[in-house]
Amino acid sequence: MPVLTMNYYSESVQKEFGMNVILPSDPKAKPPYFTLYQLHGLSDDYTAWMRWTSIERYVHGLPLVVVMPDTERGWYTNAVEGYRYEDHIMKDTIGVIERFLPVRKDRRGRAIGGLSMGGYGSMKLALKYPDVFGSVYSHSSAFFRGHQITGRDNEETIRIFGKDPTGGPNDIFALAEKVKKSRMPAIAFDCGTEDFLIEANRSFHKHLKSLKIKHQYREFPGIHEWSYWDEHVQQAIKFHRKNLGF
């Protein structure tokens, strides 16, 4: 399949970034194409999804552009003290893709997903911008970020989220309460039963149930590793296909 490595300048972070982009291979697939923004985890970069999974093979033949951007360790968030990594995705990355590639520019044409830090980021962006994304599927997500102070917090995360993030603009529990049901994206997420983030995922599932928000949550055997994500990203692609209709 055609794969691009794109380099572009992010006004929001004031530096150059790279991203990998998988393009549709089927000559019968006519533009404008659907887009999936696939986000990386804390210790990864824009190359991770293609190096550690077979995502290129899984989307073969689909009228889908897969965008794998880089946000370093920014948590897809406009930091309290620091750079605007949320704007980097929502303005700069999407802006470059939609300026240069023949993709749809409506919520029914965009999906988002990710793992761990990127799982949190994809869910947050989908709930914060329901008019942008029509479908979200997150894996093994750090849903506690932006919601509560934990023993995992350090100077880096406090600089990004602040000392009291609960209920704020990066708290997905609070964001879920604000989205109009009529604009709610299709939501799904999963987590391995031996994953250290399992309780955060169960807690968010319970929260969505209490709000009567339709969603799909599943647990599977597995830990926080690439073999798990390689297997379950295939389910995510099927979920997006069903909900966006491609």
Protein backbone atom coordinates (compact mmCIF):
# COMPACT_ATOMS: atom_id res chain seq x y z
CA MET A 1 0.00 0.00 0.00
CA PRO A 2 1.17 3.58 -0.56
CA VAL A 3 2.65 5.02 2.63
CA LEU A 4 3.70 8.62 3.12
CA THR A 5 6.01 10.05 5.73
CA MET A 6 4.99 13.68 6.00
CA ASN A 7 7.01 16.38 7.72
CA TYR A 8 5.28 19.59 8.65
CA TYR A 9 5.60 22.56 10.97
CA SER A 10 3.26 22.75 13.95
CA GLU A 11 2.37 26.31 14.88
CA SER A 12 0.94 25.07 18.18
CA VAL A 13 4.19 23.48 19.37
CA GLN A 14 6.56 25.64 17.33
CA LYS A 15 8.57 22.79 15.85
CA GLU A 16 8.74 20.31 12.99
CA PHE A 17 6.90 16.99 13.32
CA GLY A 18 6.60 13.82 11.29
CA MET A 19 3.67 11.48 10.71
CA ASN A 20 3.08 8.30 8.77
CA VAL A 21 0.04 8.14 6.51
CA ILE A 22 -1.35 4.98 4.89
CA LEU A 23 -3.22 5.69 1.66
CA PRO A 24 -5.90 3.55 -0.01
CA SER A 25 -4.44 0.98 -2.42
CA ASP A 26 -7.58 -0.04 -4.31
CA PRO A 27 -7.82 1.97 -7.56
CA LYS A 28 -11.58 1.44 -7.44
CA ALA A 29 -11.81 3.36 -4.16
CA LYS A 30 -12.86 6.85 -5.10
CA PRO A 31 -12.19 9.98 -3.03
CA PRO A 32 -13.03 11.67 -0.82
CA TYR A 33 -11.73 9.02 1.59
CA PHE A 34 -12.51 8.32 5.23
CA THR A 35 -9.78 9.12 7.78
CA LEU A 36 -8.63 7.32 10.91
CA TYR A 37 -6.34 9.22 13.28
CA GLN A 38 -4.40 6.56 15.21
CA LEU A 39 -2.56 7.88 18.27
CA HIS A 40 0.57 6.48 19.94
CA GLY A 41 1.41 5.80 23.57
CA LEU A 42 3.67 7.65 26.00
CA SER A 43 6.94 5.93 25.10
CA ASP A 44 6.30 5.74 21.34
CA ASP A 45 6.28 8.00 18.29
CA TYR A 46 4.58 8.22 14.90
CA THR A 47 6.34 5.09 13.64
CA ALA A 48 5.07 2.74 16.36
CA TRP A 49 1.76 1.55 14.89
CA MET A 50 3.44 0.51 11.64
CA ARG A 51 6.50 -1.05 13.28
CA TRP A 52 4.68 -3.08 15.93
CA THR A 53 1.37 -4.00 14.27
CA SER A 54 0.13 -5.07 10.85
CA ILE A 55 -2.25 -2.13 10.58
CA GLU A 56 -1.21 -1.55 6.96
CA ARG A 57 -2.38 -5.05 6.09
CA TYR A 58 -5.58 -4.72 8.13
CA VAL A 59 -6.78 -1.67 6.17
CA HIS A 60 -5.81 -3.04 2.76
CA GLY A 61 -8.56 -2.44 0.21
CA LEU A 62 -10.48 0.06 2.36
CA PRO A 63 -11.30 3.63 1.24
CA LEU A 64 -9.47 4.80 4.35
CA VAL A 65 -6.52 7.09 5.06
CA VAL A 66 -4.77 6.16 8.33
CA VAL A 67 -2.93 9.07 9.94
CA MET A 68 -0.36 8.28 12.65
CA PRO A 69 0.91 11.59 14.08
CA ASP A 70 3.49 12.34 16.76
CA THR A 71 2.80 14.21 19.99
CA GLU A 72 5.90 13.24 21.95
CA ARG A 73 4.94 13.02 25.67
CA GLY A 74 2.30 15.74 25.42
CA TRP A 75 -0.79 13.68 26.32
CA TYR A 76 -2.72 15.25 23.42
CA THR A 77 -3.35 18.15 25.76
CA ASN A 78 -2.83 21.90 25.87
CA ALA A 79 -0.56 22.03 28.89
CA VAL A 80 -1.21 24.28 31.84
CA GLU A 81 2.48 25.15 31.56
CA GLY A 82 3.94 24.25 28.20
CA TYR A 83 2.93 23.42 24.66
CA ARG A 84 -0.47 22.98 23.02
CA TYR A 85 -0.48 19.34 21.90
CA GLU A 86 -4.26 19.23 21.64
CA ASP A 87 -4.16 22.09 19.15
CA HIS A 88 -1.27 20.33 17.42
CA ILE A 89 -3.64 17.49 16.53
CA MET A 90 -6.91 19.36 16.07
CA LYS A 91 -5.54 22.33 14.14
CA ASP A 92 -2.13 21.54 12.66
CA THR A 93 -2.28 17.80 11.94
CA ILE A 94 -5.88 17.63 10.74
CA GLY A 95 -5.30 20.89 8.91
CA VAL A 96 -2.36 19.50 6.93
CA ILE A 97 -4.20 16.26 6.08
CA GLU A 98 -7.36 17.99 4.91
CA ARG A 99 -5.44 20.61 2.97
CA PHE A 100 -3.36 18.20 0.92
CA LEU A 101 -5.25 14.88 0.76
CA PRO A 102 -8.68 14.12 -0.78
CA VAL A 103 -10.47 13.17 2.45
CA ARG A 104 -13.91 13.85 3.84
CA LYS A 105 -14.21 16.92 6.06
CA ASP A 106 -17.22 15.97 8.17
CA ARG A 107 -17.68 13.95 11.36
CA ARG A 108 -19.07 10.99 9.41
CA GLY A 109 -15.77 10.84 7.59
CA ARG A 110 -13.42 10.87 10.60
CA ALA A 111 -12.56 8.25 13.22
CA ILE A 112 -9.96 8.34 15.99
CA GLY A 113 -8.27 5.71 18.13
CA GLY A 114 -5.15 4.95 20.10
CA LEU A 115 -3.52 3.03 22.91
CA SER A 116 -2.55 3.93 26.49
CA MET A 117 -1.73 7.67 26.39
CA GLY A 118 -3.20 7.66 22.90
CA GLY A 119 -6.25 5.79 24.17
CA TYR A 120 -6.87 8.59 26.64
CA GLY A 121 -6.13 11.17 23.95
CA SER A 122 -8.47 9.66 21.38
CA MET A 123 -11.36 9.42 23.83
CA LYS A 124 -10.79 12.93 25.11
CA LEU A 125 -10.66 14.46 21.65
CA ALA A 126 -13.72 12.52 20.49
CA LEU A 127 -15.77 13.71 23.47
CA LYS A 128 -14.44 17.24 23.39
CA TYR A 129 -14.97 17.61 19.65
CA PRO A 130 -18.06 15.50 18.84
CA ASP A 131 -18.66 17.55 15.70
CA VAL A 132 -15.26 16.46 14.35
CA PHE A 133 -15.21 12.69 15.01
CA GLY A 134 -17.98 10.19 14.39
CA SER A 135 -16.29 7.13 15.89
CA VAL A 136 -13.71 6.42 18.62
CA TYR A 137 -12.08 3.16 19.72
CA SER A 138 -9.46 3.20 22.48
CA HIS A 139 -7.22 0.41 23.80
CA SER A 140 -5.71 -0.03 27.29
CA SER A 141 -6.35 3.63 28.05
CA ALA A 142 -4.97 5.84 30.80
CA PHE A 143 -8.42 7.25 31.51
CA PHE A 144 -7.41 8.50 34.97
CA ARG A 145 -5.37 11.30 33.39
CA GLY A 146 -7.09 14.65 33.74
CA HIS A 147 -9.60 13.10 36.15
CA GLN A 148 -7.71 12.65 39.38
CA ILE A 149 -4.35 13.02 41.05
CA THR A 150 -2.68 9.64 41.50
CA GLY A 151 0.57 8.20 42.76
CA ARG A 152 1.75 8.13 39.14
CA ASP A 153 1.72 11.92 38.90
CA ASN A 154 5.06 13.66 38.69
CA GLU A 155 6.40 17.07 37.78
CA GLU A 156 5.85 16.37 34.08
CA THR A 157 2.16 15.44 34.33
CA ILE A 158 1.37 18.17 36.87
CA ARG A 159 2.89 20.71 34.47
CA ILE A 160 0.57 19.41 31.75
CA PHE A 161 -2.66 18.82 33.69
CA GLY A 162 -2.25 21.05 36.73
CA LYS A 163 -2.51 20.17 40.41
CA ASP A 164 -6.31 19.86 40.41
CA PRO A 165 -7.52 18.67 36.99
CA THR A 166 -10.78 17.04 38.13
CA GLY A 167 -13.78 18.37 36.23
CA GLY A 168 -11.61 20.41 33.90
CA PRO A 169 -11.23 20.48 30.11
CA ASN A 170 -9.08 17.32 30.06
CA ASP A 171 -11.26 15.17 32.32
CA ILE A 172 -13.04 12.64 30.10
CA PHE A 173 -15.47 11.77 32.90
CA ALA A 174 -16.61 15.41 32.96
CA LEU A 175 -16.55 15.70 29.16
CA ALA A 176 -18.87 12.69 28.80
CA GLU A 177 -21.46 14.52 30.90
CA LYS A 178 -21.45 17.55 28.60
CA VAL A 179 -21.90 15.97 25.15
CA LYS A 180 -25.39 16.11 23.75
CA LYS A 181 -26.68 12.58 23.20
CA SER A 182 -27.60 13.51 19.63
CA ARG A 183 -23.97 14.40 18.87
CA MET A 184 -22.30 11.57 20.78
CA PRO A 185 -19.73 9.71 18.65
CA ALA A 186 -19.86 5.94 18.46
CA ILE A 187 -17.76 4.82 21.45
CA ALA A 188 -15.85 1.61 22.09
CA PHE A 189 -12.84 0.66 24.20
CA ASP A 190 -11.14 -2.46 25.50
CA CYS A 191 -8.49 -3.48 27.98
CA GLY A 192 -6.52 -6.58 28.95
CA THR A 193 -7.59 -8.23 32.18
CA GLU A 194 -3.98 -8.25 33.42
CA ASP A 195 -3.28 -4.69 32.29
CA PHE A 196 -2.26 -2.25 35.04
CA LEU A 197 -4.84 0.22 33.62
CA ILE A 198 -7.80 -2.16 33.89
CA GLU A 199 -9.45 -0.38 36.83
CA ALA A 200 -9.36 2.99 35.04
CA ASN A 201 -11.18 1.40 32.10
CA ARG A 202 -13.73 -0.29 34.33
CA SER A 203 -14.34 2.98 36.12
CA PHE A 204 -14.98 4.86 32.87
CA HIS A 205 -17.28 2.06 31.66
CA LYS A 206 -19.25 2.33 34.90
CA HIS A 207 -19.45 6.10 34.49
CA LEU A 208 -20.81 5.88 30.95
CA LYS A 209 -23.38 3.32 32.09
CA SER A 210 -24.53 5.67 34.85
CA LEU A 211 -25.02 8.40 32.24
CA LYS A 212 -26.86 5.96 29.96
CA ILE A 213 -24.39 6.65 27.17
CA LYS A 214 -24.35 3.93 24.56
CA HIS A 215 -20.92 2.37 24.23
CA GLN A 216 -19.08 -0.91 23.82
CA TYR A 217 -16.58 -2.06 26.44
CA ARG A 218 -14.83 -5.42 26.37
CA GLU A 219 -12.11 -7.11 28.37
CA PHE A 220 -9.77 -9.73 26.95
CA PRO A 221 -6.88 -11.77 28.35
CA GLY A 222 -3.71 -9.74 28.01
CA ILE A 223 -1.31 -7.18 29.40
CA HIS A 224 -0.01 -3.78 28.29
CA GLU A 225 1.86 -4.94 25.18
CA TRP A 226 1.91 -4.77 21.40
CA SER A 227 0.70 -8.31 20.75
CA TYR A 228 -2.56 -7.32 22.47
CA TRP A 229 -2.94 -4.10 20.45
CA ASP A 230 -2.06 -5.79 17.17
CA GLU A 231 -4.90 -8.23 17.74
CA HIS A 232 -7.54 -5.78 18.88
CA VAL A 233 -6.89 -2.93 16.47
CA GLN A 234 -8.51 -5.24 13.93
CA GLN A 235 -11.74 -5.03 15.95
CA ALA A 236 -11.38 -1.27 16.11
CA ILE A 237 -11.18 -1.03 12.31
CA LYS A 238 -14.35 -3.12 12.00
CA PHE A 239 -16.07 -0.86 14.53
CA HIS A 240 -15.18 2.27 12.57
CA ARG A 241 -16.30 0.66 9.30
CA LYS A 242 -19.68 -0.17 10.78
CA ASN A 243 -20.27 3.24 12.32
CA LEU A 244 -18.96 5.43 9.52
CA GLY A 245 -20.28 3.16 6.78
CA PHE A 246 -17.33 2.21 4.59
